[in-house]
Protein backbone atom coordinates (compact mmCIF):
# COMPACT_ATOMS: atom_id res chain seq x y z
CA UNK A 1 0.00 0.00 0.00
CA UNK A 2 2.80 2.39 0.95
CA UNK A 3 4.64 1.57 -2.27
CA UNK A 4 1.52 2.26 -4.29
CA UNK A 5 0.96 5.62 -2.61
CA UNK A 6 4.59 6.51 -3.21
CA UNK A 7 4.29 5.58 -6.88
CA UNK A 8 1.13 7.67 -7.22
CA UNK A 9 2.82 10.67 -5.61
CA UNK A 10 5.74 10.13 -7.96
CA UNK A 11 3.29 10.44 -10.85
CA UNK A 12 2.73 14.09 -9.98
CA UNK A 13 6.46 14.77 -10.02
CA UNK A 14 7.05 12.77 -13.20
CA UNK A 15 4.23 14.68 -14.89
CA UNK A 16 5.84 17.99 -13.92
CA UNK A 17 9.18 16.78 -15.25
CA UNK A 18 7.44 15.57 -18.43
CA UNK A 19 6.59 19.19 -19.26
CA UNK A 20 10.32 19.78 -19.78
CA UNK A 21 10.59 17.43 -22.77
CA UNK A 22 12.40 19.17 -25.68
CA UNK A 23 9.44 19.04 -28.08
CA UNK A 24 7.13 20.43 -25.40
CA UNK A 25 9.46 23.30 -24.58
CA UNK A 26 10.04 24.11 -28.25
CA UNK A 27 6.32 24.20 -29.06
CA UNK A 28 5.21 26.16 -26.00
CA UNK A 29 8.22 28.46 -26.29
CA UNK A 30 7.03 29.79 -29.64
CA UNK A 31 3.65 30.59 -28.05
CA UNK A 32 4.95 32.07 -24.80
CA UNK A 33 7.24 34.36 -26.81
CA UNK A 34 4.06 36.25 -27.76
CA UNK A 35 2.97 36.68 -24.15
CA UNK A 36 3.01 40.11 -22.52
CA UNK A 37 3.73 39.25 -18.91
CA UNK A 38 4.20 36.28 -16.55
CA UNK A 39 0.50 35.77 -15.82
CA UNK A 40 -0.37 35.59 -19.50
CA UNK A 41 2.58 33.27 -20.12
CA UNK A 42 1.52 31.03 -17.21
CA UNK A 43 -2.00 30.80 -18.64
CA UNK A 44 -0.65 29.78 -22.05
CA UNK A 45 1.43 27.07 -20.36
CA UNK A 46 -1.56 25.91 -18.32
CA UNK A 47 -3.70 25.79 -21.48
CA UNK A 48 -1.10 23.50 -23.06
CA UNK A 49 -1.16 21.35 -19.93
CA UNK A 50 -4.95 21.11 -19.95
CA UNK A 51 -5.02 19.99 -23.57
CA UNK A 52 -2.19 17.55 -22.91
CA UNK A 53 -3.96 16.11 -19.88
CA UNK A 54 -7.30 15.79 -21.66
CA UNK A 55 -5.92 13.81 -24.60
CA UNK A 56 -3.51 11.81 -22.47
CA UNK A 57 -6.19 11.03 -19.89
CA UNK A 58 -8.86 9.92 -22.35
CA UNK A 59 -6.62 7.63 -24.41
CA UNK A 60 -4.46 6.30 -21.59
CA UNK A 61 -7.46 5.63 -19.35
CA UNK A 62 -9.30 3.84 -22.14
CA UNK A 63 -6.26 1.67 -22.90
CA UNK A 64 -5.65 1.03 -19.20
CA UNK A 65 -9.25 -0.09 -18.69
CA UNK A 66 -9.09 -2.38 -21.70
CA UNK A 67 -5.62 -3.64 -20.86
CA UNK A 68 -4.59 -2.80 -24.42
CA UNK A 69 -1.63 -1.01 -25.96
CA UNK A 70 -1.49 1.67 -28.61
CA UNK A 71 -0.49 0.14 -31.98
CA UNK A 72 3.14 0.88 -32.78
CA UNK A 73 2.37 2.25 -36.24
CA UNK A 74 -0.22 4.65 -34.83
CA UNK A 75 2.19 5.72 -32.08
CA UNK A 76 4.86 6.51 -34.66
CA UNK A 77 2.34 8.40 -36.79
CA UNK A 78 1.41 10.54 -33.80
CA UNK A 79 5.08 11.25 -33.13
CA UNK A 80 5.42 12.43 -36.73
CA UNK A 81 2.37 14.65 -36.22
CA UNK A 82 4.07 16.22 -33.19
CA UNK A 83 7.24 16.80 -35.21
CA UNK A 84 5.27 18.44 -38.03
CA UNK A 85 3.38 20.62 -35.56
CA UNK A 86 6.55 21.81 -33.78
CA UNK A 87 8.16 22.52 -37.15
CA UNK A 88 5.09 24.46 -38.26
CA UNK A 89 5.06 26.50 -35.04
CA UNK A 90 8.71 27.33 -35.63
CA UNK A 91 8.05 28.49 -39.19
CA UNK A 92 5.12 30.57 -37.95
CA UNK A 93 7.38 32.13 -35.32
CA UNK A 94 10.01 33.01 -37.93
CA UNK A 95 7.42 34.69 -40.13
CA UNK A 96 6.02 36.60 -37.17
CA UNK A 97 9.50 37.75 -36.13
CA UNK A 98 10.29 39.14 -39.56
CA UNK A 99 6.95 40.96 -39.65
CA UNK A 100 7.88 42.80 -36.46
CA UNK A 101 9.18 46.36 -36.68
CA UNK A 102 10.66 48.61 -34.01
CA UNK A 103 7.27 49.32 -32.43
CA UNK A 104 6.31 45.67 -31.99
CA UNK A 105 4.53 42.87 -33.85
CA UNK A 106 2.18 43.68 -36.70
CA UNK A 107 -1.40 42.67 -35.89
CA UNK A 108 -4.41 42.44 -38.16
CA UNK A 109 -7.76 43.05 -36.53
CA UNK A 110 -11.21 44.51 -37.14
CA UNK A 111 -13.24 47.39 -35.81
CA UNK A 112 -16.79 46.69 -36.96
CA UNK A 113 -16.57 46.19 -40.72
CA UNK A 114 -13.17 47.84 -40.99
CA UNK A 115 -10.14 45.53 -41.10
CA UNK A 116 -6.59 46.81 -40.90
CA UNK A 117 -3.09 45.97 -39.68
CA UNK A 118 -0.62 47.97 -37.67
CA UNK A 119 2.31 47.41 -35.31
CA UNK A 120 1.80 47.62 -31.60
CA UNK A 121 0.70 45.75 -28.52
CA UNK A 122 -2.01 43.09 -28.59
CA UNK A 123 -3.86 44.22 -25.47
CA UNK A 124 -6.66 46.01 -27.32
CA UNK A 125 -7.33 43.26 -29.87
CA UNK A 126 -10.85 41.89 -29.82
CA UNK A 127 -11.05 38.26 -28.58
CA UNK A 128 -7.26 38.07 -28.62
CA UNK A 129 -7.15 36.22 -25.31
CA UNK A 130 -9.54 33.54 -26.48
CA UNK A 131 -7.72 33.04 -29.78
CA UNK A 132 -4.29 32.72 -28.19
CA UNK A 133 -5.56 30.34 -25.48
CA UNK A 134 -6.98 27.89 -28.02
CA UNK A 135 -3.67 27.42 -29.85
CA UNK A 136 -1.63 26.04 -26.90
CA UNK A 137 -4.61 23.88 -25.89
CA UNK A 138 -4.64 22.21 -29.33
CA UNK A 139 -0.85 21.84 -29.24
CA UNK A 140 -1.20 20.14 -25.86
CA UNK A 141 -3.85 17.76 -27.22
CA UNK A 142 -1.51 16.60 -29.99
CA UNK A 143 1.33 16.11 -27.52
CA UNK A 144 -0.98 14.17 -25.20
CA UNK A 145 -2.09 11.82 -27.96
CA UNK A 146 1.51 11.10 -28.91
CA UNK A 147 2.50 10.34 -25.31
CA UNK A 148 -0.46 8.18 -24.38
CA UNK A 149 1.07 4.92 -25.62
CA UNK A 150 4.21 5.18 -23.49
CA UNK A 151 2.25 6.23 -20.40
CA UNK A 152 -0.20 3.35 -20.80
CA UNK A 153 2.66 0.85 -21.01
CA UNK A 154 4.13 2.34 -17.84
CA UNK A 155 0.97 2.23 -15.74
CA UNK A 156 0.01 -1.22 -17.00
CA UNK A 157 3.38 -2.59 -15.94
CA UNK A 158 3.44 -0.73 -12.60
CA UNK A 159 -0.15 -1.02 -11.33
CA UNK A 160 -2.24 -4.22 -11.49
CA UNK A 161 -5.25 -2.33 -10.10
CA UNK A 162 -7.28 -0.33 -12.65
CA UNK A 163 -8.17 2.44 -10.18
CA UNK A 164 -4.50 2.97 -9.36
CA UNK A 165 -3.72 3.20 -13.07
CA UNK A 166 -6.38 5.84 -13.64
CA UNK A 167 -5.31 7.84 -10.60
CA UNK A 168 -1.68 7.78 -11.73
CA UNK A 169 -2.69 9.11 -15.17
CA UNK A 170 -4.68 11.94 -13.58
CA UNK A 171 -1.82 12.86 -11.24
CA UNK A 172 0.62 12.71 -14.13
CA UNK A 173 -1.59 15.10 -16.09
CA UNK A 174 -1.95 17.46 -13.13
CA UNK A 175 1.81 17.52 -12.78
CA UNK A 176 2.24 18.46 -16.43
CA UNK A 177 -0.24 21.34 -16.05
CA UNK A 178 1.51 22.70 -12.96
CA UNK A 179 4.98 22.17 -14.43
CA UNK A 180 4.31 23.94 -17.70
CA UNK A 181 2.34 26.77 -16.07
CA UNK A 182 5.18 27.41 -13.60
CA UNK A 183 7.85 27.25 -16.29
CA UNK A 184 5.92 29.51 -18.67
CA UNK A 185 5.17 31.99 -15.90
CA UNK A 186 8.85 32.23 -15.00
CA UNK A 187 9.76 32.69 -18.67
CA UNK A 188 7.18 35.48 -18.88
CA UNK A 189 9.16 37.68 -16.46
CA UNK A 190 12.17 38.29 -18.74
CA UNK A 191 9.91 38.27 -21.80
CA UNK A 192 7.90 41.15 -20.35
CA UNK A 193 11.12 43.13 -20.02
CA UNK A 194 12.25 42.19 -23.51
CA UNK A 195 8.92 43.43 -24.86
CA UNK A 196 9.98 46.95 -23.89
CA UNK A 197 12.79 46.65 -26.46
CA UNK A 198 11.04 45.28 -29.57
CA UNK A 199 14.27 44.64 -31.50
CA UNK A 200 15.68 42.47 -28.71
CA UNK A 201 12.33 40.75 -28.30
CA UNK A 202 12.22 40.05 -32.03
CA UNK A 203 15.72 38.51 -31.96
CA UNK A 204 14.77 36.36 -28.98
CA UNK A 205 11.53 35.23 -30.64
CA UNK A 206 13.44 34.38 -33.80
CA UNK A 207 15.92 32.28 -31.83
CA UNK A 208 13.08 30.34 -30.18
CA UNK A 209 11.41 29.81 -33.57
CA UNK A 210 14.63 28.50 -35.12
CA UNK A 211 15.05 26.14 -32.18
CA UNK A 212 11.50 24.86 -32.75
CA UNK A 213 12.24 24.23 -36.44
CA UNK A 214 15.40 22.30 -35.54
CA UNK A 215 13.54 20.32 -32.87
CA UNK A 216 10.73 19.46 -35.26
CA UNK A 217 13.16 18.22 -37.91
CA UNK A 218 15.15 16.17 -35.37
CA UNK A 219 12.01 14.70 -33.82
CA UNK A 220 10.60 13.85 -37.24
CA UNK A 221 13.76 12.09 -38.38
CA UNK A 222 13.85 10.09 -35.15
CA UNK A 223 10.20 9.06 -35.48
CA UNK A 224 10.65 8.14 -39.13
């Protein structure tokens, strides 16, 4: 019983550590680079964690209940999807960085029927918060799907009891939410300062985007 409780508690810590995987950091980094402060950055990280936990929980719990494993070919296909997504986020970040001038990123938005673009801060954009929160959530879902096979194999081998397996998956997911939210929030502190110097912020965003492109290519080659 004590060993089981210890293993379950470990799930929370392992989930938090799981948020630090290179593909996770590369993907979320391109999104957090757009944040304007630690609270906003923490929310973007938490949104990734929620999407990750939802997908991971649904698939891993279903497989754990059935005592089944994710087919290897499907698992590899999901890994390739993650690689393509990280690569795409990196390319998007590069494009966004080159569209930035000295006053900040260029944003396209509408006022009634009038649509226009101009450089500046995103704070006044209509529905901007909702739009930016959806993107990391979807990214987290894809990451969760790709990681569900490995997690299912782990809990199946470690816990003979189905309830313990499900609880471990939930704790693992909670750990990933807390881990990514904390990491993103901490990253948001220097990013908020960099935002005051748009040229420096642009260079930093470009570096993160290039890292995401490299990570996506490396991850894709490994999965293939």
